[in-house]
Amino acid sequence: MNNRSRTGAAVLIAFGLCLGLGSVSYSETPKGEAMASSTKASGTFEVKLTPQTAQDATPGRMSLDKQFHGDLEATSQGEMLMAGTAVQGSAGYVAMEKVTGALKGRKGTFVLQHSGTMNRGVPGLVITVVPDSGTGELEGLSGSMMINIAEGKHLYEFEYSLTAP
């Protein structure tokens, strides 16, 4: 597989991972992060991915624009890098997105960090709140998010906690 084919495959795989294709619903709480008094938020979102030009085809790069609905009424902007391998169905992506809006009525911003892999067709995805990235009424926010697609609709589940800084 040449670099162009590999990059195209990586874009498709990363696109699928980012959108939750394949019913990716894996997420974990980083070791040492207390989630004892966590709260859950859920809803839908739309995402627009825009390929970015690059000198080298690997890694591929895309910009993210999302609109969240439900318990999280917000927009986000971010950047994604992805790379594929010569093995069909294996690729990875990382992304950072800044979320701006309201979480169950609390206004502010926070940053989500994505790490996704596709290992010979088996997806894995971890999305966590960057520590100390919460602002405004979301200061002290921590947690993790899962993404799924059901009946063509993008869904999120966000397990989080808010602690005083």
N, C-alpha and C. Protein backbone atom coordinates (compact mmCIF):
# COMPACT_ATOMS: atom_id res chain seq x y z
N MET A 1 0.85 -1.17 0.00
CA MET A 1 0.00 0.00 0.00
C MET A 1 0.90 1.23 0.00
N ASN A 2 0.66 2.18 -0.93
CA ASN A 2 1.50 3.37 -0.99
C ASN A 2 1.04 4.38 0.06
N ASN A 3 1.84 5.46 0.19
CA ASN A 3 1.54 6.46 1.23
C ASN A 3 0.18 7.11 1.04
N ARG A 4 -0.18 7.39 -0.22
CA ARG A 4 -1.47 8.03 -0.48
C ARG A 4 -2.62 7.12 -0.07
N SER A 5 -2.55 5.82 -0.41
CA SER A 5 -3.59 4.87 -0.02
C SER A 5 -3.65 4.72 1.49
N ARG A 6 -2.48 4.64 2.11
CA ARG A 6 -2.42 4.50 3.56
C ARG A 6 -3.03 5.71 4.24
N THR A 7 -2.72 6.91 3.73
CA THR A 7 -3.28 8.11 4.32
C THR A 7 -4.78 8.15 4.14
N GLY A 8 -5.27 7.77 2.96
CA GLY A 8 -6.71 7.73 2.73
C GLY A 8 -7.39 6.77 3.67
N ALA A 9 -6.79 5.60 3.86
CA ALA A 9 -7.35 4.62 4.80
C ALA A 9 -7.32 5.17 6.22
N ALA A 10 -6.24 5.84 6.58
CA ALA A 10 -6.13 6.40 7.93
C ALA A 10 -7.20 7.46 8.16
N VAL A 11 -7.44 8.28 7.14
CA VAL A 11 -8.47 9.32 7.28
C VAL A 11 -9.83 8.67 7.51
N LEU A 12 -10.15 7.63 6.73
CA LEU A 12 -11.43 6.95 6.91
C LEU A 12 -11.54 6.30 8.28
N ILE A 13 -10.48 5.65 8.73
CA ILE A 13 -10.50 4.98 10.02
C ILE A 13 -10.60 6.01 11.15
N ALA A 14 -9.79 7.07 11.08
CA ALA A 14 -9.84 8.10 12.11
C ALA A 14 -11.20 8.78 12.11
N PHE A 15 -11.74 9.01 10.93
CA PHE A 15 -13.07 9.59 10.81
C PHE A 15 -14.08 8.70 11.53
N GLY A 16 -13.99 7.39 11.29
CA GLY A 16 -14.88 6.44 11.95
C GLY A 16 -14.69 6.43 13.45
N LEU A 17 -13.44 6.46 13.90
CA LEU A 17 -13.18 6.48 15.34
C LEU A 17 -13.72 7.75 15.97
N CYS A 18 -13.48 8.88 15.33
CA CYS A 18 -13.92 10.16 15.88
C CYS A 18 -15.44 10.22 15.97
N LEU A 19 -16.11 9.64 15.01
CA LEU A 19 -17.57 9.69 15.01
C LEU A 19 -18.21 8.57 15.79
N GLY A 20 -17.43 7.59 16.21
CA GLY A 20 -18.01 6.50 16.98
C GLY A 20 -18.48 5.35 16.13
N LEU A 21 -18.03 5.26 14.88
CA LEU A 21 -18.44 4.14 14.04
C LEU A 21 -17.94 2.85 14.64
N GLY A 22 -18.66 1.79 14.43
CA GLY A 22 -18.26 0.51 15.01
C GLY A 22 -18.64 0.42 16.47
N SER A 23 -19.51 1.30 16.91
CA SER A 23 -19.98 1.32 18.29
C SER A 23 -18.85 1.36 19.30
N VAL A 24 -17.89 2.23 19.05
CA VAL A 24 -16.81 2.42 20.01
C VAL A 24 -17.42 2.99 21.27
N SER A 25 -17.25 2.32 22.37
CA SER A 25 -17.78 2.87 23.61
C SER A 25 -16.80 2.62 24.75
N TYR A 26 -15.53 2.57 24.42
CA TYR A 26 -14.50 2.32 25.41
C TYR A 26 -13.98 3.65 25.93
N SER A 27 -13.90 3.77 27.20
CA SER A 27 -13.31 4.93 27.84
C SER A 27 -12.89 4.52 29.23
N GLU A 28 -11.87 5.15 29.74
CA GLU A 28 -11.44 4.79 31.09
C GLU A 28 -11.06 6.03 31.87
N THR A 29 -11.10 5.93 33.17
CA THR A 29 -10.69 7.00 34.05
C THR A 29 -9.21 6.82 34.34
N PRO A 30 -8.41 7.87 34.09
CA PRO A 30 -6.98 7.74 34.37
C PRO A 30 -6.73 7.36 35.83
N LYS A 31 -5.68 6.55 36.06
CA LYS A 31 -5.35 6.12 37.42
C LYS A 31 -5.11 7.33 38.31
N GLY A 32 -5.64 7.26 39.50
CA GLY A 32 -5.45 8.33 40.47
C GLY A 32 -6.52 9.41 40.39
N GLU A 33 -7.39 9.37 39.37
CA GLU A 33 -8.44 10.38 39.25
C GLU A 33 -9.69 9.90 39.98
N ALA A 34 -10.09 10.64 40.99
CA ALA A 34 -11.26 10.24 41.78
C ALA A 34 -12.54 10.56 41.02
N MET A 35 -13.42 9.60 40.91
CA MET A 35 -14.70 9.80 40.26
C MET A 35 -15.83 9.41 41.20
N ALA A 36 -15.57 9.42 42.51
CA ALA A 36 -16.54 8.94 43.49
C ALA A 36 -17.86 9.68 43.41
N SER A 37 -17.82 10.98 43.22
CA SER A 37 -19.06 11.74 43.17
C SER A 37 -19.32 12.22 41.75
N SER A 38 -19.22 11.32 40.81
CA SER A 38 -19.37 11.71 39.41
C SER A 38 -20.83 11.88 39.04
N THR A 39 -21.03 12.64 38.01
CA THR A 39 -22.34 12.90 37.45
C THR A 39 -22.28 12.53 35.98
N LYS A 40 -23.41 12.15 35.40
CA LYS A 40 -23.42 11.80 33.98
C LYS A 40 -24.23 12.81 33.20
N ALA A 41 -23.76 13.08 32.00
CA ALA A 41 -24.46 13.95 31.06
C ALA A 41 -24.51 13.21 29.74
N SER A 42 -25.58 13.40 28.98
CA SER A 42 -25.68 12.73 27.69
C SER A 42 -26.46 13.58 26.71
N GLY A 43 -26.32 13.26 25.44
CA GLY A 43 -27.02 13.99 24.40
C GLY A 43 -26.49 13.61 23.04
N THR A 44 -26.73 14.47 22.08
CA THR A 44 -26.30 14.24 20.71
C THR A 44 -25.31 15.30 20.30
N PHE A 45 -24.62 15.07 19.16
CA PHE A 45 -23.76 16.09 18.60
C PHE A 45 -23.63 15.90 17.10
N GLU A 46 -23.30 17.00 16.42
CA GLU A 46 -22.96 16.96 15.01
C GLU A 46 -21.50 17.34 14.90
N VAL A 47 -20.82 16.76 13.91
CA VAL A 47 -19.41 17.07 13.73
C VAL A 47 -19.13 17.35 12.26
N LYS A 48 -18.28 18.32 12.01
CA LYS A 48 -17.81 18.63 10.67
C LYS A 48 -16.30 18.46 10.68
N LEU A 49 -15.79 17.58 9.81
CA LEU A 49 -14.35 17.35 9.69
C LEU A 49 -13.88 17.99 8.39
N THR A 50 -12.82 18.78 8.48
CA THR A 50 -12.28 19.43 7.30
C THR A 50 -10.83 19.03 7.12
N PRO A 51 -10.51 18.31 6.02
CA PRO A 51 -9.11 17.92 5.79
C PRO A 51 -8.23 19.16 5.67
N GLN A 52 -7.05 19.10 6.22
CA GLN A 52 -6.09 20.18 6.16
C GLN A 52 -4.95 19.77 5.23
N THR A 53 -4.40 20.71 4.50
CA THR A 53 -3.29 20.39 3.61
C THR A 53 -2.02 20.27 4.42
N ALA A 54 -1.16 19.39 3.95
CA ALA A 54 0.11 19.17 4.63
C ALA A 54 1.18 18.87 3.59
N GLN A 55 2.42 19.17 3.92
CA GLN A 55 3.52 18.88 3.02
C GLN A 55 3.67 17.37 2.84
N ASP A 56 3.58 16.65 3.91
CA ASP A 56 3.74 15.21 3.91
C ASP A 56 2.38 14.57 4.13
N ALA A 57 2.12 13.48 3.47
CA ALA A 57 0.81 12.83 3.57
C ALA A 57 0.59 12.14 4.91
N THR A 58 1.65 11.87 5.67
CA THR A 58 1.49 11.20 6.96
C THR A 58 2.18 12.03 8.02
N PRO A 59 1.57 12.40 9.11
CA PRO A 59 0.19 12.08 9.42
C PRO A 59 -0.77 13.01 8.69
N GLY A 60 -2.02 12.54 8.53
CA GLY A 60 -3.07 13.37 7.98
C GLY A 60 -3.57 14.31 9.07
N ARG A 61 -4.18 15.41 8.67
CA ARG A 61 -4.64 16.40 9.65
C ARG A 61 -6.02 16.89 9.26
N MET A 62 -6.89 17.06 10.26
CA MET A 62 -8.24 17.58 10.02
C MET A 62 -8.61 18.56 11.13
N SER A 63 -9.46 19.53 10.78
CA SER A 63 -10.02 20.39 11.83
C SER A 63 -11.38 19.82 12.20
N LEU A 64 -11.78 20.02 13.45
CA LEU A 64 -13.06 19.54 13.98
C LEU A 64 -13.93 20.73 14.36
N ASP A 65 -15.20 20.65 14.04
CA ASP A 65 -16.20 21.60 14.50
C ASP A 65 -17.40 20.78 14.95
N LYS A 66 -17.79 20.90 16.23
CA LYS A 66 -18.92 20.12 16.76
C LYS A 66 -19.94 21.05 17.40
N GLN A 67 -21.18 20.56 17.43
CA GLN A 67 -22.25 21.19 18.19
C GLN A 67 -22.88 20.11 19.05
N PHE A 68 -22.79 20.29 20.37
CA PHE A 68 -23.36 19.35 21.34
C PHE A 68 -24.75 19.80 21.76
N HIS A 69 -25.63 18.82 21.97
CA HIS A 69 -26.99 19.10 22.43
C HIS A 69 -27.31 18.16 23.58
N GLY A 70 -28.27 18.53 24.39
CA GLY A 70 -28.65 17.71 25.53
C GLY A 70 -28.14 18.34 26.80
N ASP A 71 -27.58 17.53 27.68
CA ASP A 71 -27.05 18.05 28.95
C ASP A 71 -25.86 18.99 28.73
N LEU A 72 -25.16 18.80 27.62
CA LEU A 72 -24.06 19.67 27.23
C LEU A 72 -24.51 20.46 26.01
N GLU A 73 -24.81 21.73 26.20
CA GLU A 73 -25.18 22.62 25.10
C GLU A 73 -23.95 23.46 24.80
N ALA A 74 -23.23 23.07 23.74
CA ALA A 74 -21.93 23.69 23.51
C ALA A 74 -21.49 23.52 22.06
N THR A 75 -20.45 24.25 21.73
CA THR A 75 -19.75 24.06 20.46
C THR A 75 -18.31 23.72 20.80
N SER A 76 -17.61 23.13 19.84
CA SER A 76 -16.19 22.88 20.05
C SER A 76 -15.44 23.02 18.74
N GLN A 77 -14.20 23.40 18.86
CA GLN A 77 -13.29 23.44 17.73
C GLN A 77 -12.04 22.69 18.14
N GLY A 78 -11.45 21.97 17.17
CA GLY A 78 -10.26 21.21 17.50
C GLY A 78 -9.47 20.81 16.29
N GLU A 79 -8.40 20.08 16.54
CA GLU A 79 -7.49 19.58 15.52
C GLU A 79 -7.26 18.09 15.75
N MET A 80 -7.19 17.34 14.65
CA MET A 80 -6.97 15.90 14.72
C MET A 80 -5.80 15.52 13.81
N LEU A 81 -4.94 14.65 14.30
CA LEU A 81 -3.86 14.05 13.51
C LEU A 81 -4.12 12.56 13.45
N MET A 82 -3.92 11.96 12.26
CA MET A 82 -4.13 10.52 12.14
C MET A 82 -3.09 9.91 11.21
N ALA A 83 -2.85 8.62 11.43
CA ALA A 83 -1.90 7.89 10.59
C ALA A 83 -2.37 6.46 10.46
N GLY A 84 -2.18 5.89 9.28
CA GLY A 84 -2.49 4.50 9.03
C GLY A 84 -1.23 3.69 8.89
N THR A 85 -1.39 2.40 8.74
CA THR A 85 -0.25 1.51 8.55
C THR A 85 -0.47 0.71 7.27
N ALA A 86 0.51 -0.11 6.92
CA ALA A 86 0.39 -0.97 5.75
C ALA A 86 -0.61 -2.10 6.00
N VAL A 87 -0.95 -2.36 7.27
CA VAL A 87 -1.90 -3.42 7.61
C VAL A 87 -3.31 -2.84 7.56
N GLN A 88 -4.15 -3.42 6.72
CA GLN A 88 -5.52 -2.94 6.59
C GLN A 88 -6.24 -3.02 7.94
N GLY A 89 -6.94 -1.92 8.29
CA GLY A 89 -7.70 -1.89 9.54
C GLY A 89 -6.89 -1.46 10.75
N SER A 90 -5.65 -1.01 10.55
CA SER A 90 -4.84 -0.53 11.68
C SER A 90 -4.46 0.92 11.45
N ALA A 91 -4.76 1.75 12.43
CA ALA A 91 -4.48 3.19 12.35
C ALA A 91 -4.63 3.80 13.73
N GLY A 92 -4.33 5.07 13.82
CA GLY A 92 -4.51 5.77 15.08
C GLY A 92 -4.76 7.24 14.85
N TYR A 93 -5.37 7.88 15.87
CA TYR A 93 -5.54 9.32 15.80
C TYR A 93 -5.45 9.91 17.20
N VAL A 94 -5.09 11.18 17.24
CA VAL A 94 -5.12 11.98 18.45
C VAL A 94 -5.82 13.28 18.10
N ALA A 95 -6.50 13.86 19.06
CA ALA A 95 -7.18 15.13 18.81
C ALA A 95 -7.29 15.91 20.11
N MET A 96 -7.36 17.22 19.97
CA MET A 96 -7.63 18.13 21.07
C MET A 96 -8.77 19.02 20.61
N GLU A 97 -9.78 19.22 21.49
CA GLU A 97 -10.87 20.11 21.14
C GLU A 97 -11.26 20.96 22.34
N LYS A 98 -11.46 22.25 22.09
CA LYS A 98 -11.91 23.17 23.14
C LYS A 98 -13.42 23.28 23.06
N VAL A 99 -14.08 22.97 24.17
CA VAL A 99 -15.54 22.98 24.26
C VAL A 99 -15.97 24.26 24.97
N THR A 100 -16.92 24.98 24.39
CA THR A 100 -17.43 26.23 24.95
C THR A 100 -18.94 26.16 25.03
N GLY A 101 -19.49 26.35 26.24
CA GLY A 101 -20.94 26.31 26.38
C GLY A 101 -21.36 26.08 27.81
N ALA A 102 -22.43 25.27 27.98
CA ALA A 102 -22.99 25.03 29.31
C ALA A 102 -23.19 23.53 29.52
N LEU A 103 -22.75 23.05 30.66
CA LEU A 103 -22.92 21.65 31.09
C LEU A 103 -23.94 21.65 32.21
N LYS A 104 -25.13 21.16 31.91
CA LYS A 104 -26.25 21.18 32.86
C LYS A 104 -26.40 22.57 33.49
N GLY A 105 -26.34 23.60 32.62
CA GLY A 105 -26.56 24.98 33.05
C GLY A 105 -25.33 25.71 33.53
N ARG A 106 -24.23 25.02 33.78
CA ARG A 106 -22.99 25.68 34.23
C ARG A 106 -22.19 26.11 33.01
N LYS A 107 -21.89 27.39 32.91
CA LYS A 107 -21.21 27.94 31.73
C LYS A 107 -19.71 27.98 31.91
N GLY A 108 -19.00 27.72 30.80
CA GLY A 108 -17.55 27.80 30.81
C GLY A 108 -16.97 27.07 29.61
N THR A 109 -15.68 26.79 29.71
CA THR A 109 -14.97 26.07 28.66
C THR A 109 -14.17 24.95 29.30
N PHE A 110 -13.79 23.96 28.48
CA PHE A 110 -12.85 22.92 28.90
C PHE A 110 -12.28 22.27 27.65
N VAL A 111 -11.23 21.50 27.82
CA VAL A 111 -10.55 20.87 26.69
C VAL A 111 -10.67 19.35 26.80
N LEU A 112 -11.03 18.71 25.68
CA LEU A 112 -11.07 17.25 25.59
C LEU A 112 -9.87 16.75 24.80
N GLN A 113 -9.26 15.68 25.30
CA GLN A 113 -8.14 15.03 24.62
C GLN A 113 -8.59 13.64 24.16
N HIS A 114 -8.42 13.35 22.86
CA HIS A 114 -8.80 12.06 22.27
C HIS A 114 -7.55 11.23 21.98
N SER A 115 -7.65 9.94 22.17
CA SER A 115 -6.63 8.99 21.72
C SER A 115 -7.37 7.78 21.19
N GLY A 116 -7.30 7.57 19.87
CA GLY A 116 -8.02 6.47 19.26
C GLY A 116 -7.12 5.56 18.45
N THR A 117 -7.41 4.29 18.49
CA THR A 117 -6.68 3.32 17.68
C THR A 117 -7.65 2.38 16.99
N MET A 118 -7.20 1.81 15.91
CA MET A 118 -7.91 0.74 15.23
C MET A 118 -6.85 -0.34 15.04
N ASN A 119 -7.03 -1.47 15.73
CA ASN A 119 -6.07 -2.57 15.68
C ASN A 119 -6.66 -3.70 14.86
N ARG A 120 -6.32 -3.73 13.56
CA ARG A 120 -6.85 -4.74 12.64
C ARG A 120 -8.38 -4.79 12.70
N GLY A 121 -8.98 -3.60 12.72
CA GLY A 121 -10.43 -3.49 12.71
C GLY A 121 -11.10 -3.38 14.06
N VAL A 122 -10.34 -3.57 15.14
CA VAL A 122 -10.91 -3.47 16.49
C VAL A 122 -10.61 -2.08 17.03
N PRO A 123 -11.68 -1.27 17.25
CA PRO A 123 -11.47 0.11 17.67
C PRO A 123 -11.26 0.25 19.18
N GLY A 124 -10.51 1.27 19.54
CA GLY A 124 -10.32 1.65 20.93
C GLY A 124 -10.31 3.17 21.00
N LEU A 125 -10.97 3.75 21.97
CA LEU A 125 -11.05 5.19 22.06
C LEU A 125 -11.11 5.64 23.51
N VAL A 126 -10.28 6.61 23.86
CA VAL A 126 -10.29 7.23 25.18
C VAL A 126 -10.39 8.74 24.98
N ILE A 127 -11.38 9.35 25.62
CA ILE A 127 -11.55 10.81 25.56
C ILE A 127 -11.64 11.30 26.99
N THR A 128 -10.71 12.18 27.38
CA THR A 128 -10.69 12.68 28.76
C THR A 128 -10.61 14.20 28.78
N VAL A 129 -11.09 14.78 29.88
CA VAL A 129 -10.96 16.21 30.10
C VAL A 129 -9.51 16.48 30.51
N VAL A 130 -8.88 17.44 29.85
CA VAL A 130 -7.52 17.83 30.21
C VAL A 130 -7.57 18.44 31.62
N PRO A 131 -6.74 17.94 32.54
CA PRO A 131 -6.77 18.45 33.91
C PRO A 131 -6.60 19.98 33.97
N ASP A 132 -7.39 20.60 34.82
CA ASP A 132 -7.34 22.04 35.08
C ASP A 132 -7.66 22.90 33.85
N SER A 133 -8.36 22.33 32.86
CA SER A 133 -8.72 23.11 31.68
C SER A 133 -10.07 23.80 31.82
N GLY A 134 -10.86 23.47 32.83
CA GLY A 134 -12.17 24.07 33.01
C GLY A 134 -12.07 25.53 33.43
N THR A 135 -12.97 26.36 32.84
CA THR A 135 -13.01 27.78 33.19
C THR A 135 -14.44 28.15 33.60
N GLY A 136 -14.59 29.33 34.17
CA GLY A 136 -15.91 29.82 34.58
C GLY A 136 -16.54 28.87 35.58
N GLU A 137 -17.81 28.55 35.38
CA GLU A 137 -18.51 27.65 36.29
C GLU A 137 -18.11 26.19 36.10
N LEU A 138 -17.21 25.91 35.15
CA LEU A 138 -16.71 24.55 34.92
C LEU A 138 -15.28 24.37 35.45
N GLU A 139 -14.83 25.33 36.23
CA GLU A 139 -13.51 25.21 36.85
C GLU A 139 -13.53 24.00 37.79
N GLY A 140 -12.50 23.16 37.75
CA GLY A 140 -12.44 21.96 38.58
C GLY A 140 -13.08 20.75 37.92
N LEU A 141 -13.44 20.86 36.63
CA LEU A 141 -14.07 19.76 35.90
C LEU A 141 -13.05 18.66 35.58
N SER A 142 -13.45 17.41 35.76
CA SER A 142 -12.67 16.25 35.32
C SER A 142 -13.66 15.23 34.80
N GLY A 143 -13.17 14.29 34.01
CA GLY A 143 -14.06 13.24 33.54
C GLY A 143 -13.64 12.62 32.23
N SER A 144 -14.52 11.77 31.71
CA SER A 144 -14.26 11.08 30.45
C SER A 144 -15.55 11.00 29.65
N MET A 145 -15.39 10.92 28.33
CA MET A 145 -16.54 10.90 27.43
C MET A 145 -16.48 9.66 26.54
N MET A 146 -17.65 9.11 26.24
CA MET A 146 -17.78 8.01 25.29
C MET A 146 -18.62 8.50 24.13
N ILE A 147 -18.32 8.00 22.92
CA ILE A 147 -19.07 8.36 21.72
C ILE A 147 -19.64 7.09 21.10
N ASN A 148 -20.89 7.17 20.67
CA ASN A 148 -21.56 6.06 19.97
C ASN A 148 -22.39 6.62 18.83
N ILE A 149 -22.75 5.75 17.90
CA ILE A 149 -23.71 6.11 16.85
C ILE A 149 -24.82 5.09 16.91
N ALA A 150 -26.06 5.58 16.97
CA ALA A 150 -27.24 4.72 16.98
C ALA A 150 -28.23 5.29 15.98
N GLU A 151 -28.67 4.47 15.04
CA GLU A 151 -29.63 4.87 14.02
C GLU A 151 -29.20 6.15 13.32
N GLY A 152 -27.89 6.24 13.02
CA GLY A 152 -27.35 7.38 12.29
C GLY A 152 -27.17 8.64 13.11
N LYS A 153 -27.46 8.60 14.40
CA LYS A 153 -27.35 9.76 15.28
C LYS A 153 -26.10 9.63 16.15
N HIS A 154 -25.33 10.71 16.25
CA HIS A 154 -24.13 10.74 17.08
C HIS A 154 -24.53 11.03 18.53
N LEU A 155 -24.07 10.18 19.44
CA LEU A 155 -24.42 10.29 20.85
C LEU A 155 -23.16 10.37 21.71
N TYR A 156 -23.26 11.10 22.81
CA TYR A 156 -22.16 11.12 23.77
C TYR A 156 -22.69 10.77 25.15
N GLU A 157 -21.83 10.20 25.95
CA GLU A 157 -22.09 10.01 27.38
C GLU A 157 -20.86 10.57 28.08
N PHE A 158 -21.08 11.47 29.00
CA PHE A 158 -20.01 12.20 29.66
C PHE A 158 -20.11 11.96 31.16
N GLU A 159 -19.16 11.25 31.72
CA GLU A 159 -19.11 11.03 33.17
C GLU A 159 -18.10 12.02 33.72
N TYR A 160 -18.56 12.88 34.63
CA TYR A 160 -17.70 13.96 35.08
C TYR A 160 -17.93 14.26 36.56
N SER A 161 -17.00 15.03 37.11
CA SER A 161 -17.16 15.56 38.46
C SER A 161 -16.63 17.00 38.45
N LEU A 162 -17.20 17.79 39.33
CA LEU A 162 -16.77 19.18 39.52
C LEU A 162 -16.31 19.33 40.96
N THR A 163 -15.08 19.74 41.14
CA THR A 163 -14.57 19.96 42.48
C THR A 163 -14.07 21.39 42.59
N ALA A 164 -14.11 21.93 43.76
CA ALA A 164 -13.60 23.27 43.98
C ALA A 164 -12.09 23.28 43.73
N PRO A 165 -11.61 24.28 43.00
CA PRO A 165 -10.16 24.35 42.70
C PRO A 165 -9.33 24.57 43.94
